[in-house]
Amino acid sequence: MLIVAAFVLGAFLGWRRAARRGGDRADRLQYAAGHGIALALAALVLVVVLGRLGLV
């Protein structure tokens, strides 16, 4: 669930960043996908590390 939430948050932040820079819809979608994937990957690494440490 944390990974999905991180993806959604990243997509939202990427969409907003592209909008502030004046990007069209394709730019916004690309930024949303890139940021979403990056934050989901970071969350995945965090979950794996916490799992290996026995904290989750």
PDB file of N, CA and C in Angstrom:
ATOM      1  N   MET A   1       0.819  -1.186   0.000  1.00  0.00           N
ATOM      2  CA  MET A   1       0.000   0.000   0.000  1.00  0.00           C
ATOM      3  C   MET A   1       0.870   1.260   0.000  1.00  0.00           C
ATOM      4  N   LEU A   2       1.983   1.208   0.677  1.00  0.00           N
ATOM      5  CA  LEU A   2       2.887   2.349   0.734  1.00  0.00           C
ATOM      6  C   LEU A   2       3.447   2.666  -0.649  1.00  0.00           C
ATOM      7  N   ILE A   3       3.715   1.646  -1.430  1.00  0.00           N
ATOM      8  CA  ILE A   3       4.285   1.844  -2.758  1.00  0.00           C
ATOM      9  C   ILE A   3       3.281   2.528  -3.677  1.00  0.00           C
ATOM     10  N   VAL A   4       2.020   2.114  -3.598  1.00  0.00           N
ATOM     11  CA  VAL A   4       0.977   2.732  -4.420  1.00  0.00           C
ATOM     12  C   VAL A   4       0.784   4.190  -4.009  1.00  0.00           C
ATOM     13  N   ALA A   5       0.779   4.446  -2.709  1.00  0.00           N
ATOM     14  CA  ALA A   5       0.625   5.813  -2.229  1.00  0.00           C
ATOM     15  C   ALA A   5       1.800   6.680  -2.682  1.00  0.00           C
ATOM     16  N   ALA A   6       2.997   6.130  -2.672  1.00  0.00           N
ATOM     17  CA  ALA A   6       4.171   6.880  -3.127  1.00  0.00           C
ATOM     18  C   ALA A   6       4.068   7.183  -4.615  1.00  0.00           C
ATOM     19  N   PHE A   7       3.559   6.235  -5.399  1.00  0.00           N
ATOM     20  CA  PHE A   7       3.390   6.470  -6.827  1.00  0.00           C
ATOM     21  C   PHE A   7       2.387   7.594  -7.079  1.00  0.00           C
ATOM     22  N   VAL A   8       1.263   7.544  -6.375  1.00  0.00           N
ATOM     23  CA  VAL A   8       0.233   8.575  -6.561  1.00  0.00           C
ATOM     24  C   VAL A   8       0.769   9.944  -6.142  1.00  0.00           C
ATOM     25  N   LEU A   9       1.461  10.008  -5.033  1.00  0.00           N
ATOM     26  CA  LEU A   9       2.042  11.275  -4.585  1.00  0.00           C
ATOM     27  C   LEU A   9       3.060  11.791  -5.596  1.00  0.00           C
ATOM     28  N   GLY A  10       3.910  10.911  -6.088  1.00  0.00           N
ATOM     29  CA  GLY A  10       4.899  11.311  -7.086  1.00  0.00           C
ATOM     30  C   GLY A  10       4.258  11.789  -8.367  1.00  0.00           C
ATOM     31  N   ALA A  11       3.200  11.114  -8.797  1.00  0.00           N
ATOM     32  CA  ALA A  11       2.504  11.523 -10.014  1.00  0.00           C
ATOM     33  C   ALA A  11       1.892  12.907  -9.830  1.00  0.00           C
ATOM     34  N   PHE A  12       1.311  13.150  -8.675  1.00  0.00           N
ATOM     35  CA  PHE A  12       0.725  14.463  -8.396  1.00  0.00           C
ATOM     36  C   PHE A  12       1.795  15.552  -8.407  1.00  0.00           C
ATOM     37  N   LEU A  13       2.916  15.286  -7.753  1.00  0.00           N
ATOM     38  CA  LEU A  13       3.990  16.275  -7.703  1.00  0.00           C
ATOM     39  C   LEU A  13       4.585  16.519  -9.091  1.00  0.00           C
ATOM     40  N   GLY A  14       4.743  15.463  -9.870  1.00  0.00           N
ATOM     41  CA  GLY A  14       5.263  15.621 -11.224  1.00  0.00           C
ATOM     42  C   GLY A  14       4.320  16.410 -12.112  1.00  0.00           C
ATOM     43  N   TRP A  15       3.024  16.149 -11.992  1.00  0.00           N
ATOM     44  CA  TRP A  15       2.026  16.892 -12.775  1.00  0.00           C
ATOM     45  C   TRP A  15       2.093  18.388 -12.453  1.00  0.00           C
ATOM     46  N   ARG A  16       2.167  18.688 -11.151  1.00  0.00           N
ATOM     47  CA  ARG A  16       2.232  20.090 -10.729  1.00  0.00           C
ATOM     48  C   ARG A  16       3.512  20.759 -11.198  1.00  0.00           C
ATOM     49  N   ARG A  17       4.619  20.046 -11.138  1.00  0.00           N
ATOM     50  CA  ARG A  17       5.895  20.628 -11.558  1.00  0.00           C
ATOM     51  C   ARG A  17       5.870  20.979 -13.047  1.00  0.00           C
ATOM     52  N   ALA A  18       5.343  20.071 -13.857  1.00  0.00           N
ATOM     53  CA  ALA A  18       5.268  20.343 -15.293  1.00  0.00           C
ATOM     54  C   ALA A  18       4.297  21.476 -15.584  1.00  0.00           C
ATOM     55  N   ALA A  19       3.219  21.560 -14.822  1.00  0.00           N
ATOM     56  CA  ALA A  19       2.246  22.633 -15.032  1.00  0.00           C
ATOM     57  C   ALA A  19       2.865  23.991 -14.706  1.00  0.00           C
ATOM     58  N   ARG A  20       3.644  24.054 -13.641  1.00  0.00           N
ATOM     59  CA  ARG A  20       4.285  25.313 -13.271  1.00  0.00           C
ATOM     60  C   ARG A  20       5.300  25.755 -14.317  1.00  0.00           C
ATOM     61  N   ARG A  21       5.895  24.795 -15.018  1.00  0.00           N
ATOM     62  CA  ARG A  21       6.879  25.126 -16.053  1.00  0.00           C
ATOM     63  C   ARG A  21       6.225  25.395 -17.400  1.00  0.00           C
ATOM     64  N   GLY A  22       4.901  25.337 -17.445  1.00  0.00           N
ATOM     65  CA  GLY A  22       4.199  25.671 -18.672  1.00  0.00           C
ATOM     66  C   GLY A  22       4.112  24.533 -19.675  1.00  0.00           C
ATOM     67  N   GLY A  23       4.217  23.307 -19.216  1.00  0.00           N
ATOM     68  CA  GLY A  23       4.170  22.166 -20.123  1.00  0.00           C
ATOM     69  C   GLY A  23       2.757  21.846 -20.576  1.00  0.00           C
ATOM     70  N   ASP A  24       2.662  21.253 -21.757  1.00  0.00           N
ATOM     71  CA  ASP A  24       1.341  20.842 -22.234  1.00  0.00           C
ATOM     72  C   ASP A  24       0.970  19.498 -21.593  1.00  0.00           C
ATOM     73  N   ARG A  25      -0.117  18.893 -22.055  1.00  0.00           N
ATOM     74  CA  ARG A  25      -0.618  17.688 -21.406  1.00  0.00           C
ATOM     75  C   ARG A  25       0.372  16.525 -21.483  1.00  0.00           C
ATOM     76  N   ALA A  26       1.042  16.380 -22.624  1.00  0.00           N
ATOM     77  CA  ALA A  26       2.024  15.302 -22.773  1.00  0.00           C
ATOM     78  C   ALA A  26       3.189  15.486 -21.798  1.00  0.00           C
ATOM     79  N   ASP A  27       3.641  16.716 -21.637  1.00  0.00           N
ATOM     80  CA  ASP A  27       4.719  16.986 -20.680  1.00  0.00           C
ATOM     81  C   ASP A  27       4.282  16.645 -19.258  1.00  0.00           C
ATOM     82  N   ARG A  28       3.059  17.021 -18.935  1.00  0.00           N
ATOM     83  CA  ARG A  28       2.550  16.749 -17.588  1.00  0.00           C
ATOM     84  C   ARG A  28       2.451  15.254 -17.330  1.00  0.00           C
ATOM     85  N   LEU A  29       1.981  14.508 -18.336  1.00  0.00           N
ATOM     86  CA  LEU A  29       1.894  13.054 -18.170  1.00  0.00           C
ATOM     87  C   LEU A  29       3.279  12.424 -18.023  1.00  0.00           C
ATOM     88  N   GLN A  30       4.231  12.908 -18.787  1.00  0.00           N
ATOM     89  CA  GLN A  30       5.582  12.361 -18.700  1.00  0.00           C
ATOM     90  C   GLN A  30       6.212  12.662 -17.342  1.00  0.00           C
ATOM     91  N   TYR A  31       6.063  13.877 -16.870  1.00  0.00           N
ATOM     92  CA  TYR A  31       6.578  14.230 -15.545  1.00  0.00           C
ATOM     93  C   TYR A  31       5.880  13.415 -14.456  1.00  0.00           C
ATOM     94  N   ALA A  32       4.568  13.243 -14.593  1.00  0.00           N
ATOM     95  CA  ALA A  32       3.823  12.473 -13.597  1.00  0.00           C
ATOM     96  C   ALA A  32       4.311  11.036 -13.561  1.00  0.00           C
ATOM     97  N   ALA A  33       4.502  10.430 -14.722  1.00  0.00           N
ATOM     98  CA  ALA A  33       4.978   9.046 -14.771  1.00  0.00           C
ATOM     99  C   ALA A  33       6.386   8.930 -14.191  1.00  0.00           C
ATOM    100  N   GLY A  34       7.256   9.833 -14.575  1.00  0.00           N
ATOM    101  CA  GLY A  34       8.637   9.785 -14.083  1.00  0.00           C
ATOM    102  C   GLY A  34       8.735   9.958 -12.585  1.00  0.00           C
ATOM    103  N   HIS A  35       8.045  10.947 -12.057  1.00  0.00           N
ATOM    104  CA  HIS A  35       8.078  11.177 -10.612  1.00  0.00           C
ATOM    105  C   HIS A  35       7.389  10.034  -9.861  1.00  0.00           C
ATOM    106  N   GLY A  36       6.293   9.536 -10.408  1.00  0.00           N
ATOM    107  CA  GLY A  36       5.590   8.427  -9.765  1.00  0.00           C
ATOM    108  C   GLY A  36       6.453   7.182  -9.672  1.00  0.00           C
ATOM    109  N   ILE A  37       7.118   6.851 -10.765  1.00  0.00           N
ATOM    110  CA  ILE A  37       7.981   5.673 -10.770  1.00  0.00           C
ATOM    111  C   ILE A  37       9.154   5.857  -9.809  1.00  0.00           C
ATOM    112  N   ALA A  38       9.736   7.046  -9.789  1.00  0.00           N
ATOM    113  CA  ALA A  38      10.883   7.302  -8.903  1.00  0.00           C
ATOM    114  C   ALA A  38      10.492   7.168  -7.435  1.00  0.00           C
ATOM    115  N   LEU A  39       9.363   7.758  -7.049  1.00  0.00           N
ATOM    116  CA  LEU A  39       8.951   7.656  -5.645  1.00  0.00           C
ATOM    117  C   LEU A  39       8.494   6.239  -5.286  1.00  0.00           C
ATOM    118  N   ALA A  40       7.868   5.542  -6.219  1.00  0.00           N
ATOM    119  CA  ALA A  40       7.471   4.161  -5.953  1.00  0.00           C
ATOM    120  C   ALA A  40       8.700   3.274  -5.763  1.00  0.00           C
ATOM    121  N   LEU A  41       9.732   3.505  -6.562  1.00  0.00           N
ATOM    122  CA  LEU A  41      10.966   2.740  -6.420  1.00  0.00           C
ATOM    123  C   LEU A  41      11.642   3.031  -5.080  1.00  0.00           C
ATOM    124  N   ALA A  42      11.654   4.295  -4.687  1.00  0.00           N
ATOM    125  CA  ALA A  42      12.235   4.651  -3.389  1.00  0.00           C
ATOM    126  C   ALA A  42      11.452   4.004  -2.247  1.00  0.00           C
ATOM    127  N   ALA A  43      10.126   3.983  -2.364  1.00  0.00           N
ATOM    128  CA  ALA A  43       9.298   3.348  -1.336  1.00  0.00           C
ATOM    129  C   ALA A  43       9.539   1.843  -1.302  1.00  0.00           C
ATOM    130  N   LEU A  44       9.720   1.240  -2.463  1.00  0.00           N
ATOM    131  CA  LEU A  44       9.997  -0.200  -2.517  1.00  0.00           C
ATOM    132  C   LEU A  44      11.306  -0.529  -1.808  1.00  0.00           C
ATOM    133  N   VAL A  45      12.325   0.263  -2.063  1.00  0.00           N
ATOM    134  CA  VAL A  45      13.620   0.053  -1.400  1.00  0.00           C
ATOM    135  C   VAL A  45      13.453   0.216   0.105  1.00  0.00           C
ATOM    136  N   LEU A  46      12.713   1.226   0.531  1.00  0.00           N
ATOM    137  CA  LEU A  46      12.487   1.455   1.956  1.00  0.00           C
ATOM    138  C   LEU A  46      11.768   0.269   2.598  1.00  0.00           C
ATOM    139  N   VAL A  47      10.748  -0.253   1.938  1.00  0.00           N
ATOM    140  CA  VAL A  47       9.998  -1.390   2.476  1.00  0.00           C
ATOM    141  C   VAL A  47      10.887  -2.624   2.575  1.00  0.00           C
ATOM    142  N   VAL A  48      11.717  -2.860   1.576  1.00  0.00           N
ATOM    143  CA  VAL A  48      12.610  -4.021   1.601  1.00  0.00           C
ATOM    144  C   VAL A  48      13.635  -3.885   2.723  1.00  0.00           C
ATOM    145  N   VAL A  49      14.229  -2.703   2.867  1.00  0.00           N
ATOM    146  CA  VAL A  49      15.227  -2.486   3.918  1.00  0.00           C
ATOM    147  C   VAL A  49      14.591  -2.653   5.301  1.00  0.00           C
ATOM    148  N   LEU A  50      13.431  -2.053   5.504  1.00  0.00           N
ATOM    149  CA  LEU A  50      12.761  -2.200   6.799  1.00  0.00           C
ATOM    150  C   LEU A  50      12.350  -3.645   7.067  1.00  0.00           C
ATOM    151  N   GLY A  51      11.970  -4.348   6.021  1.00  0.00           N
ATOM    152  CA  GLY A  51      11.622  -5.751   6.169  1.00  0.00           C
ATOM    153  C   GLY A  51      12.827  -6.606   6.555  1.00  0.00           C
ATOM    154  N   ARG A  52      13.966  -6.312   5.936  1.00  0.00           N
ATOM    155  CA  ARG A  52      15.188  -7.069   6.259  1.00  0.00           C
ATOM    156  C   ARG A  52      15.681  -6.776   7.676  1.00  0.00           C
ATOM    157  N   LEU A  53      15.380  -5.573   8.163  1.00  0.00           N
ATOM    158  CA  LEU A  53      15.778  -5.218   9.525  1.00  0.00           C
ATOM    159  C   LEU A  53      14.778  -5.740  10.558  1.00  0.00           C
ATOM    160  N   GLY A  54      13.667  -6.267  10.081  1.00  0.00           N
ATOM    161  CA  GLY A  54      12.661  -6.810  10.996  1.00  0.00           C
ATOM    162  C   GLY A  54      11.755  -5.751  11.602  1.00  0.00           C
ATOM    163  N   LEU A  55      11.675  -4.598  10.994  1.00  0.00           N
ATOM    164  CA  LEU A  55      10.867  -3.523  11.541  1.00  0.00           C
ATOM    165  C   LEU A  55       9.461  -3.481  10.951  1.00  0.00           C
ATOM    166  N   VAL A  56       9.232  -4.242   9.896  1.00  0.00           N
ATOM    167  CA  VAL A  56       7.907  -4.257   9.275  1.00  0.00           C
ATOM    168  C   VAL A  56       7.319  -5.641   9.394  1.00  0.00           C
TER     169      VAL A  56
END
